[in-house]
Protein backbone atom coordinates (compact mmCIF):
# COMPACT_ATOMS: atom_id res chain seq x y z
CA MET A 1 21.32 117.48 9.34
CA GLU A 2 20.64 116.15 12.92
CA ILE A 3 23.92 114.32 14.46
CA ILE A 4 22.30 111.25 16.75
CA ASN A 5 25.55 110.06 18.07
CA HIS A 6 28.68 110.76 18.52
CA GLU A 7 32.83 110.02 19.71
CA VAL A 8 34.81 112.67 21.18
CA THR A 9 38.67 112.08 21.60
CA GLU A 10 40.96 114.67 23.47
CA LEU A 11 43.60 115.16 21.55
CA LYS A 12 47.13 115.35 23.32
CA ASP A 13 49.81 117.82 22.84
CA PRO A 14 53.33 116.37 23.46
CA THR A 15 54.75 119.97 22.03
CA GLY A 16 52.88 122.17 24.23
CA ILE A 17 53.00 124.09 20.84
CA MET A 18 49.21 124.83 21.02
CA PRO A 19 47.57 126.38 23.66
CA ASP A 20 44.02 125.52 23.86
CA ARG A 21 42.59 121.68 23.84
CA ARG A 22 42.04 120.19 20.87
CA PHE A 23 39.65 117.55 20.64
CA GLU A 24 38.30 115.24 17.37
CA TRP A 25 34.91 114.72 17.25
CA LEU A 26 33.08 111.78 14.94
CA LEU A 27 29.98 112.50 14.66
CA ASP A 28 27.33 109.52 12.79
CA VAL A 29 24.57 112.74 10.67
CA GLU A 30 21.43 111.74 9.42
CA VAL A 31 20.22 114.47 6.11
CA GLU A 32 17.15 113.91 4.33
CA GLU A 33 17.56 111.69 0.45
CA GLU A 34 17.11 114.72 -1.44
CA ASP A 35 19.86 116.56 0.17
CA GLU A 36 23.15 116.40 -1.26
CA LEU A 37 25.41 114.98 1.18
CA TYR A 38 22.85 111.54 1.41
CA THR A 39 24.31 108.42 1.15
CA GLU A 40 22.51 105.41 1.39
CA LYS A 41 26.45 104.23 3.25
CA GLY A 42 25.46 107.09 6.08
CA LEU A 43 27.54 109.80 7.35
CA VAL A 44 29.83 110.83 9.88
CA LEU A 45 31.32 114.50 10.20
CA ARG A 46 34.21 114.08 11.93
CA VAL A 47 34.81 118.10 13.83
CA ILE A 48 38.19 119.24 15.46
CA LEU A 49 37.75 121.93 18.14
CA ALA A 50 39.70 124.12 20.07
CA GLN A 51 38.78 125.19 23.22
CA GLY A 52 40.55 128.03 24.87
CA ASN A 53 39.86 131.07 26.93
CA ASP A 54 37.95 132.90 23.92
CA GLY A 55 35.75 129.40 23.65
CA MET A 56 34.65 127.25 21.47
CA ARG A 57 35.46 126.51 17.47
CA ILE A 58 35.91 124.98 14.50
CA VAL A 59 39.29 124.66 13.96
CA GLN A 60 38.85 121.61 10.54
CA HIS A 61 36.03 119.63 9.75
CA PHE A 62 35.13 117.62 6.75
CA PHE A 63 33.02 114.30 5.84
CA LEU A 64 33.44 111.14 5.12
CA GLU A 65 31.05 108.30 3.62
CA LYS A 66 31.05 106.09 6.68
CA GLU A 67 30.90 102.53 5.17
CA SER A 68 34.21 103.13 2.89
CA GLU A 69 35.53 106.66 4.65
CA GLN A 70 35.60 108.19 1.80
CA VAL A 71 36.64 111.65 2.47
CA LEU A 72 33.07 113.80 1.22
CA ASP A 73 34.02 117.02 -1.33
CA PHE A 74 31.45 119.38 0.92
CA ALA A 75 31.76 122.03 3.61
CA MET A 76 29.18 122.91 6.43
CA ASP A 77 27.12 126.22 6.19
CA ASP A 78 26.92 128.91 8.49
CA GLU A 79 23.40 127.39 10.18
CA GLU A 80 25.38 123.75 10.48
CA GLU A 81 28.57 124.49 12.05
CA GLN A 82 26.88 126.62 14.92
CA GLN A 83 24.42 123.04 15.06
CA VAL A 84 27.53 120.97 15.72
CA LEU A 85 29.55 123.84 18.04
CA ASP A 86 26.09 124.42 19.90
CA TYR A 87 26.07 120.36 20.00
CA CYS A 88 29.69 119.81 21.00
CA ARG A 89 29.24 122.32 23.95
CA ALA A 90 27.02 120.67 24.90
CA ASN A 91 28.28 117.01 24.88
CA LEU A 92 31.51 117.69 25.96
CA ASP A 93 31.55 116.54 29.01
CA THR A 94 29.84 113.44 28.74
CA GLY A 95 32.50 112.32 25.79
CA VAL A 96 36.08 112.38 27.42
């Protein structure tokens, strides 16, 4: 999986209930044709990250077919999760 582009938005908590900052990341990703995630219509990974005193963590994620925005029933493996966290840490300041 290769992350080729992103959009990030900070999610505001008007209630003040959530102690951590939350961010929605839309990651354009490419996968090889042999990968089970491959779709000709493109692939987006939507990730909700929480950032607090204990660092950054993935709260929720799902894959979307880019053209139709249909949710795909796949999960990231541990290596992909680490890749996404590393990417988001490196790009947080450039995206918000």
